[in-house]
Amino acid sequence: MALAKSSSQATRKITKVGGHSYYVTIPLDYIRELGWREHQKVQVTKHGKKIIIEDWEA
């Protein structure tokens, strides 16, 4: 399923999983550009009204 996308932004829907979790898919080109891999740990933080996803550093 393709979703509308501009050059710097992609629109995604929030989907509920189970009773207490949600997920949003990340565009493949973003993952490739960041060099992220499947099962990689990431850090999720809330900053004001934004959610920031960063590579997890040990």
Protein backbone atom coordinates (compact mmCIF):
# COMPACT_ATOMS: atom_id res chain seq x y z
CA MET A 1 0.00 0.00 0.00
CA ALA A 2 1.65 3.23 -1.13
CA LEU A 3 1.02 6.40 0.84
CA ALA A 4 1.40 10.02 -0.26
CA LYS A 5 4.98 11.21 0.04
CA SER A 6 6.80 14.46 -0.64
CA SER A 7 10.55 14.88 -0.97
CA SER A 8 11.13 15.43 2.78
CA GLN A 9 8.07 13.92 4.41
CA ALA A 10 5.91 10.79 4.33
CA THR A 11 2.37 10.44 5.68
CA ARG A 12 1.70 7.33 7.77
CA LYS A 13 -1.17 6.04 9.92
CA ILE A 14 -0.89 4.99 13.55
CA THR A 15 -1.98 1.37 14.07
CA LYS A 16 -2.91 -0.25 17.39
CA VAL A 17 -1.28 -3.57 18.30
CA GLY A 18 -2.56 -5.52 21.29
CA GLY A 19 -3.91 -3.57 24.24
CA HIS A 20 -1.29 -0.94 24.99
CA SER A 21 1.00 -0.47 21.98
CA TYR A 22 0.91 1.35 18.66
CA TYR A 23 3.19 1.36 15.64
CA VAL A 24 4.04 3.60 12.71
CA THR A 25 6.00 2.31 9.73
CA ILE A 26 9.16 4.15 8.73
CA PRO A 27 9.78 4.64 4.98
CA LEU A 28 12.41 2.25 3.60
CA ASP A 29 14.44 5.04 2.02
CA TYR A 30 14.81 6.68 5.47
CA ILE A 31 16.02 3.38 6.97
CA ARG A 32 18.53 2.88 4.17
CA GLU A 33 19.78 6.47 4.38
CA LEU A 34 20.37 6.08 8.14
CA GLY A 35 22.04 2.68 7.69
CA TRP A 36 19.63 1.03 10.15
CA ARG A 37 19.05 -2.73 10.16
CA GLU A 38 16.26 -5.09 11.24
CA HIS A 39 16.23 -5.71 15.03
CA GLN A 40 18.48 -2.70 15.65
CA LYS A 41 17.83 -0.97 18.98
CA VAL A 42 16.58 2.61 18.80
CA GLN A 43 15.84 5.20 21.47
CA VAL A 44 12.40 6.85 21.43
CA THR A 45 11.97 10.19 23.22
CA LYS A 46 9.21 12.78 23.40
CA HIS A 47 10.16 16.41 22.87
CA GLY A 48 7.16 18.72 23.16
CA LYS A 49 4.63 17.50 20.58
CA LYS A 50 7.24 15.50 18.64
CA ILE A 51 8.57 11.97 18.95
CA ILE A 52 12.26 11.52 18.16
CA ILE A 53 13.66 8.12 17.12
CA GLU A 54 17.45 7.85 17.32
CA ASP A 55 20.03 5.09 17.13
CA TRP A 56 20.51 3.55 20.58
CA GLU A 57 23.96 4.11 22.03
CA ALA A 58 25.25 1.73 24.71
